[in-house]
Protein backbone atom coordinates (compact mmCIF):
# COMPACT_ATOMS: atom_id res chain seq x y z
CA PRO A 1 -101.98 14.10 -131.28
CA VAL A 2 -98.99 14.58 -128.99
CA LEU A 3 -97.51 11.69 -127.01
CA THR A 4 -95.97 12.48 -123.64
CA THR A 5 -93.35 10.08 -122.28
CA SER A 6 -91.68 10.26 -118.88
CA TYR A 7 -88.76 8.41 -117.35
CA PHE A 8 -88.02 8.34 -113.64
CA ASP A 9 -85.54 6.70 -111.29
CA ALA A 10 -84.43 6.95 -107.69
CA ASN A 11 -81.03 6.31 -106.17
CA LEU A 12 -81.36 4.85 -102.68
CA TYR A 13 -78.99 6.43 -100.13
CA ALA A 14 -77.55 8.89 -102.64
CA ASP A 15 -76.47 10.95 -99.63
CA MET A 16 -74.84 8.55 -97.19
CA LEU A 17 -74.68 11.19 -94.46
CA THR A 18 -78.43 11.84 -94.28
CA GLY A 19 -79.67 8.60 -95.89
CA ARG A 20 -81.82 10.47 -98.40
CA SER A 21 -82.44 9.22 -101.92
CA MET A 22 -82.10 11.18 -105.17
CA THR A 23 -84.96 11.43 -107.68
CA GLY A 24 -84.37 11.93 -111.41
CA ILE A 25 -87.14 12.56 -113.95
CA LEU A 26 -87.14 13.29 -117.70
CA HIS A 27 -90.25 14.38 -119.63
CA PHE A 28 -90.51 14.10 -123.41
CA ILE A 29 -93.08 15.29 -125.93
CA ASN A 30 -92.95 13.24 -129.14
CA GLN A 31 -89.38 12.11 -128.29
CA MET A 32 -88.23 15.71 -127.74
CA PRO A 33 -86.95 16.59 -124.25
CA LEU A 34 -89.28 19.03 -122.52
CA ASP A 35 -88.33 19.08 -118.84
CA TRP A 36 -86.00 17.42 -116.35
CA TYR A 37 -86.04 17.20 -112.58
CA SER A 38 -83.35 16.09 -110.16
CA LYS A 39 -83.66 16.59 -106.44
CA LYS A 40 -82.86 14.98 -103.13
CA GLN A 41 -85.97 13.42 -101.59
CA SER A 42 -87.29 15.06 -98.43
CA THR A 43 -87.90 11.72 -96.68
CA VAL A 44 -85.54 8.89 -95.75
CA ALA A 45 -86.50 5.58 -97.35
CA THR A 46 -85.27 2.32 -95.88
CA ALA A 47 -85.85 0.28 -99.03
CA THR A 48 -85.59 0.78 -102.78
CA PHE A 49 -89.37 0.35 -103.13
CA GLY A 50 -90.02 3.39 -100.95
CA SER A 51 -87.67 5.70 -102.82
CA GLU A 52 -88.98 4.49 -106.21
CA PHE A 53 -92.56 5.04 -105.05
CA VAL A 54 -91.77 8.63 -104.04
CA ALA A 55 -90.12 9.22 -107.43
CA ALA A 56 -93.17 7.75 -109.22
CA ARG A 57 -95.50 10.03 -107.24
CA ILE A 58 -93.50 13.14 -108.09
CA CYS A 59 -93.34 12.09 -111.76
CA THR A 60 -97.11 11.55 -111.89
CA GLU A 61 -97.80 14.98 -110.36
CA GLN A 62 -95.53 16.62 -112.94
CA ILE A 63 -97.19 14.73 -115.81
CA LEU A 64 -100.60 16.00 -114.73
CA GLU A 65 -99.29 19.58 -114.60
CA ILE A 66 -97.68 19.31 -118.06
CA ARG A 67 -100.83 17.83 -119.61
CA ILE A 68 -103.02 20.56 -118.10
CA ILE A 69 -100.74 23.28 -119.48
CA LEU A 70 -100.71 21.65 -122.93
CA ARG A 71 -104.52 21.40 -122.90
CA TYR A 72 -104.80 25.11 -122.00
CA LEU A 73 -102.55 25.87 -124.98
CA GLY A 74 -104.84 23.85 -127.26
CA VAL A 75 -102.36 21.05 -128.00
CA PRO A 76 -104.11 17.80 -128.95
CA LEU A 77 -102.97 14.98 -126.64
CA LYS A 78 -103.15 11.22 -126.91
CA ASP A 79 -105.35 9.54 -124.30
CA PHE A 80 -102.42 7.77 -122.61
CA VAL A 81 -99.00 8.58 -121.18
CA CYS A 82 -95.90 6.38 -121.35
CA ILE A 83 -94.18 6.18 -117.96
CA ARG A 84 -90.95 4.22 -117.83
CA ARG A 85 -88.61 3.39 -115.03
């Protein structure tokens, strides 16, 4: 079975002009990089918790998409996902 691991982080006030945070996400399959994502968040968070929560939500949505695609391709998956911050 294949193990999917994802790392995410958010940088509060990455853009000091607009106050928006930056989200960074890395997805791995069996310790091999599969996908990365880096984008300015569309909302302005006033605390680190808010920006991290948005990053976690985006990461979770991407994990679900990746796992669905892998299932369609017939790849056996482990029952759990490692998500690390």
